[in-house]
């Protein structure tokens, strides 16, 4: 007998540098597989048990992913939404 566990890829919100993002996953990525977020960030997938989440502090929502998510679903975007501002350039590691 097996225990079937259903996972919803739409509910996966990867956290990159303490910011949670939205993705367009069609399946659960393998550990180490590169994933892309709606705002264009990329990172390798890694998995941790939920009880470890507080160790990294409270993540904030990516405003750019939120804008893309709202646009795709026809959800109004409030004036002054931070995701409507130009995205700051990321510093590249040396």
N, C-alpha and C. Protein backbone atom coordinates (compact mmCIF):
# COMPACT_ATOMS: atom_id res chain seq x y z
N UNK A 1 0.84 -1.16 0.00
CA UNK A 1 0.00 0.00 0.00
C UNK A 1 0.89 1.24 0.00
N UNK A 2 0.42 2.29 -0.63
CA UNK A 2 1.17 3.55 -0.67
C UNK A 2 0.34 4.67 -0.07
N UNK A 3 1.01 5.70 0.34
CA UNK A 3 0.34 6.92 0.82
C UNK A 3 0.61 7.99 -0.22
N UNK A 4 -0.39 8.35 -0.95
CA UNK A 4 -0.25 9.34 -2.01
C UNK A 4 -0.33 10.74 -1.41
N UNK A 5 0.66 11.54 -1.68
CA UNK A 5 0.72 12.92 -1.17
C UNK A 5 0.63 13.86 -2.36
N UNK A 6 -0.35 14.73 -2.34
CA UNK A 6 -0.52 15.69 -3.43
C UNK A 6 0.15 17.01 -3.07
N UNK A 7 0.96 17.51 -3.97
CA UNK A 7 1.62 18.81 -3.79
C UNK A 7 1.17 19.73 -4.92
N UNK A 8 0.89 20.96 -4.58
CA UNK A 8 0.44 21.93 -5.56
C UNK A 8 1.61 22.86 -5.92
N UNK A 9 2.19 22.75 -7.13
CA UNK A 9 3.31 23.62 -7.50
C UNK A 9 2.97 25.11 -7.42
N UNK A 10 1.69 25.46 -7.56
CA UNK A 10 1.27 26.86 -7.47
C UNK A 10 1.48 27.40 -6.05
N UNK A 11 1.47 26.52 -5.08
CA UNK A 11 1.61 26.94 -3.68
C UNK A 11 3.07 27.01 -3.23
N UNK A 12 4.00 26.71 -4.11
CA UNK A 12 5.42 26.76 -3.75
C UNK A 12 5.91 28.20 -3.91
N UNK A 13 6.45 28.73 -2.82
CA UNK A 13 6.97 30.10 -2.81
C UNK A 13 8.43 30.04 -2.36
N UNK A 14 9.37 29.91 -3.31
CA UNK A 14 10.78 29.82 -2.91
C UNK A 14 11.27 31.10 -2.24
N UNK A 15 12.12 30.93 -1.25
CA UNK A 15 12.70 32.07 -0.54
C UNK A 15 14.15 32.21 -0.99
N UNK A 16 14.47 33.39 -1.53
CA UNK A 16 15.83 33.71 -1.98
C UNK A 16 16.27 34.96 -1.22
N UNK A 17 17.33 34.86 -0.46
CA UNK A 17 17.83 36.00 0.33
C UNK A 17 16.73 36.62 1.18
N UNK A 18 15.96 35.77 1.89
CA UNK A 18 14.89 36.18 2.81
C UNK A 18 13.73 36.88 2.13
N UNK A 19 13.58 36.73 0.82
CA UNK A 19 12.43 37.28 0.08
C UNK A 19 11.71 36.11 -0.58
N UNK A 20 10.39 35.99 -0.35
CA UNK A 20 9.66 34.90 -0.99
C UNK A 20 9.11 35.36 -2.33
N UNK A 21 9.20 34.45 -3.27
CA UNK A 21 8.83 34.72 -4.66
C UNK A 21 7.71 33.81 -5.12
N UNK A 22 7.18 34.09 -6.28
CA UNK A 22 6.21 33.22 -6.94
C UNK A 22 6.88 32.64 -8.18
N UNK A 23 6.47 31.42 -8.53
CA UNK A 23 7.06 30.73 -9.67
C UNK A 23 5.96 30.24 -10.60
N UNK A 24 6.36 29.68 -11.72
CA UNK A 24 5.45 29.02 -12.66
C UNK A 24 5.92 27.58 -12.83
N UNK A 25 5.83 26.81 -11.78
CA UNK A 25 6.30 25.44 -11.82
C UNK A 25 5.21 24.51 -12.32
N UNK A 26 5.57 23.57 -13.17
CA UNK A 26 4.61 22.57 -13.63
C UNK A 26 4.82 21.25 -12.88
N UNK A 27 5.89 21.18 -12.10
CA UNK A 27 6.20 20.00 -11.30
C UNK A 27 7.11 20.42 -10.16
N UNK A 28 7.30 19.53 -9.22
CA UNK A 28 8.18 19.81 -8.09
C UNK A 28 9.63 19.67 -8.59
N UNK A 29 10.45 20.71 -8.43
CA UNK A 29 11.83 20.61 -8.92
C UNK A 29 12.67 19.65 -8.08
N UNK A 30 13.67 19.09 -8.70
CA UNK A 30 14.62 18.23 -7.99
C UNK A 30 15.59 19.11 -7.20
N UNK A 31 16.10 18.64 -6.07
CA UNK A 31 17.10 19.41 -5.34
C UNK A 31 18.28 19.76 -6.25
N UNK A 32 18.69 21.02 -6.21
CA UNK A 32 19.80 21.49 -7.03
C UNK A 32 19.38 21.99 -8.40
N UNK A 33 18.15 21.69 -8.82
CA UNK A 33 17.66 22.15 -10.13
C UNK A 33 17.43 23.67 -10.07
N UNK A 34 17.84 24.37 -11.11
CA UNK A 34 17.64 25.81 -11.16
C UNK A 34 16.19 26.12 -11.48
N UNK A 35 15.62 27.02 -10.69
CA UNK A 35 14.25 27.47 -10.94
C UNK A 35 14.27 28.97 -11.18
N UNK A 36 13.26 29.46 -11.88
CA UNK A 36 13.11 30.89 -12.14
C UNK A 36 11.83 31.38 -11.48
N UNK A 37 11.88 32.60 -10.99
CA UNK A 37 10.71 33.20 -10.37
C UNK A 37 10.01 34.10 -11.38
N UNK A 38 8.82 34.56 -11.04
CA UNK A 38 8.07 35.44 -11.94
C UNK A 38 8.79 36.75 -12.21
N UNK A 39 9.63 37.18 -11.26
CA UNK A 39 10.34 38.45 -11.44
C UNK A 39 11.68 38.26 -12.16
N UNK A 40 12.07 37.00 -12.42
CA UNK A 40 13.31 36.76 -13.15
C UNK A 40 14.48 36.29 -12.32
N UNK A 41 14.33 36.21 -11.00
CA UNK A 41 15.41 35.66 -10.18
C UNK A 41 15.57 34.18 -10.48
N UNK A 42 16.77 33.68 -10.36
CA UNK A 42 17.01 32.24 -10.51
C UNK A 42 17.84 31.76 -9.33
N UNK A 43 17.60 30.51 -8.95
CA UNK A 43 18.35 29.91 -7.85
C UNK A 43 18.17 28.40 -7.92
N UNK A 44 19.03 27.69 -7.24
CA UNK A 44 18.94 26.23 -7.17
C UNK A 44 17.91 25.85 -6.10
N UNK A 45 17.06 24.89 -6.42
CA UNK A 45 16.04 24.42 -5.48
C UNK A 45 16.71 23.67 -4.33
N UNK A 46 16.21 23.95 -3.14
CA UNK A 46 16.68 23.28 -1.94
C UNK A 46 15.46 23.09 -1.05
N UNK A 47 15.41 22.03 -0.29
CA UNK A 47 14.25 21.73 0.54
C UNK A 47 14.66 21.60 2.00
N UNK A 48 13.81 22.12 2.87
CA UNK A 48 14.01 22.04 4.32
C UNK A 48 12.67 21.71 4.96
N UNK A 49 12.67 21.06 6.11
CA UNK A 49 11.41 20.84 6.82
C UNK A 49 10.84 22.18 7.31
N UNK A 50 9.54 22.25 7.42
CA UNK A 50 8.87 23.51 7.79
C UNK A 50 9.32 24.03 9.16
N UNK A 51 9.68 23.14 10.08
CA UNK A 51 10.07 23.61 11.41
C UNK A 51 11.37 24.42 11.38
N UNK A 52 12.12 24.36 10.28
CA UNK A 52 13.37 25.13 10.17
C UNK A 52 13.14 26.54 9.64
N UNK A 53 11.94 26.83 9.16
CA UNK A 53 11.66 28.14 8.56
C UNK A 53 11.99 29.33 9.47
N UNK A 54 11.62 29.31 10.75
CA UNK A 54 11.90 30.47 11.61
C UNK A 54 13.39 30.79 11.79
N UNK A 55 14.26 29.82 11.54
CA UNK A 55 15.70 30.03 11.73
C UNK A 55 16.25 31.14 10.83
N UNK A 56 15.62 31.35 9.68
CA UNK A 56 16.11 32.34 8.72
C UNK A 56 15.46 33.70 8.89
N UNK A 57 14.55 33.84 9.82
CA UNK A 57 13.82 35.10 10.00
C UNK A 57 12.59 35.12 9.11
N UNK A 58 11.81 36.16 9.24
CA UNK A 58 10.56 36.26 8.50
C UNK A 58 10.86 36.77 7.08
N UNK A 59 10.48 35.99 6.05
CA UNK A 59 10.72 36.47 4.69
C UNK A 59 9.69 37.54 4.30
N UNK A 60 10.08 38.41 3.40
CA UNK A 60 9.15 39.40 2.86
C UNK A 60 8.75 38.97 1.46
N UNK A 61 7.65 39.50 0.98
CA UNK A 61 7.16 39.15 -0.36
C UNK A 61 7.87 39.98 -1.42
N UNK A 62 8.22 39.36 -2.53
CA UNK A 62 8.82 40.10 -3.65
C UNK A 62 7.72 40.92 -4.32
N UNK A 63 7.84 42.24 -4.33
CA UNK A 63 6.79 43.05 -4.94
C UNK A 63 6.70 42.87 -6.46
N UNK A 64 7.80 42.50 -7.10
CA UNK A 64 7.81 42.33 -8.56
C UNK A 64 7.09 41.03 -8.96
N UNK A 65 7.28 39.97 -8.16
CA UNK A 65 6.52 38.74 -8.39
C UNK A 65 5.04 38.99 -8.17
N UNK A 66 4.72 39.78 -7.14
CA UNK A 66 3.32 40.07 -6.84
C UNK A 66 2.64 40.80 -8.00
N UNK A 67 3.33 41.77 -8.59
CA UNK A 67 2.76 42.51 -9.73
C UNK A 67 2.52 41.56 -10.90
N UNK A 68 3.47 40.70 -11.20
CA UNK A 68 3.29 39.75 -12.31
C UNK A 68 2.12 38.81 -12.04
N UNK A 69 2.04 38.32 -10.82
CA UNK A 69 0.94 37.42 -10.43
C UNK A 69 -0.40 38.13 -10.59
N UNK A 70 -0.51 39.37 -10.13
CA UNK A 70 -1.75 40.14 -10.23
C UNK A 70 -2.11 40.40 -11.70
N UNK A 71 -1.14 40.77 -12.50
CA UNK A 71 -1.41 41.03 -13.93
C UNK A 71 -1.95 39.79 -14.63
N UNK A 72 -1.34 38.64 -14.37
CA UNK A 72 -1.78 37.40 -15.01
C UNK A 72 -3.20 37.01 -14.63
N UNK A 73 -3.64 37.41 -13.46
CA UNK A 73 -4.95 37.01 -12.97
C UNK A 73 -5.98 38.14 -13.02
N UNK A 74 -5.59 39.31 -13.52
CA UNK A 74 -6.52 40.42 -13.61
C UNK A 74 -6.88 41.03 -12.26
N UNK A 75 -6.00 40.85 -11.28
CA UNK A 75 -6.22 41.42 -9.94
C UNK A 75 -5.71 42.86 -9.95
N UNK A 76 -6.51 43.80 -9.45
CA UNK A 76 -6.06 45.20 -9.45
C UNK A 76 -4.74 45.39 -8.71
N UNK A 77 -3.93 46.28 -9.25
CA UNK A 77 -2.66 46.63 -8.62
C UNK A 77 -2.82 48.04 -8.06
N UNK A 78 -2.72 48.20 -6.74
CA UNK A 78 -2.93 49.52 -6.16
C UNK A 78 -1.89 50.54 -6.63
N UNK A 79 -2.32 51.80 -6.78
CA UNK A 79 -1.36 52.87 -7.07
C UNK A 79 -0.31 52.88 -5.97
N UNK A 80 0.91 53.11 -6.34
CA UNK A 80 1.99 53.17 -5.36
C UNK A 80 2.52 51.80 -4.94
N UNK A 81 2.04 50.75 -5.58
CA UNK A 81 2.56 49.40 -5.26
C UNK A 81 4.06 49.41 -5.51
N UNK A 82 4.87 48.90 -4.57
CA UNK A 82 6.33 48.94 -4.74
C UNK A 82 6.83 48.16 -5.95
N UNK A 83 6.07 47.19 -6.44
CA UNK A 83 6.48 46.42 -7.60
C UNK A 83 6.34 47.17 -8.91
N UNK A 84 5.71 48.35 -8.87
CA UNK A 84 5.59 49.19 -10.07
C UNK A 84 6.80 50.10 -10.25
N UNK A 85 7.63 50.18 -9.23
CA UNK A 85 8.85 50.99 -9.30
C UNK A 85 9.92 50.24 -10.07
N UNK A 86 10.85 50.95 -10.70
CA UNK A 86 11.95 50.24 -11.38
C UNK A 86 12.70 49.38 -10.37
N UNK A 87 13.06 48.22 -10.83
CA UNK A 87 13.78 47.28 -9.97
C UNK A 87 15.22 47.74 -9.78
N UNK A 88 15.71 47.79 -8.55
CA UNK A 88 17.11 48.18 -8.35
C UNK A 88 18.05 47.13 -8.94
N UNK A 89 19.16 47.59 -9.43
CA UNK A 89 20.14 46.66 -9.99
C UNK A 89 20.81 45.90 -8.87
N UNK A 90 20.98 44.59 -9.09
CA UNK A 90 21.64 43.76 -8.09
C UNK A 90 23.14 43.87 -8.24
N UNK A 91 23.80 43.90 -7.11
CA UNK A 91 25.27 43.90 -7.15
C UNK A 91 25.73 42.49 -7.41
N UNK A 92 26.64 42.35 -8.33
CA UNK A 92 27.19 41.04 -8.64
C UNK A 92 28.34 40.71 -7.69
N UNK A 93 28.36 39.47 -7.19
CA UNK A 93 29.48 39.10 -6.32
C UNK A 93 30.80 39.11 -7.08
N UNK A 94 31.85 39.45 -6.38
CA UNK A 94 33.18 39.50 -7.01
C UNK A 94 33.88 38.19 -6.91
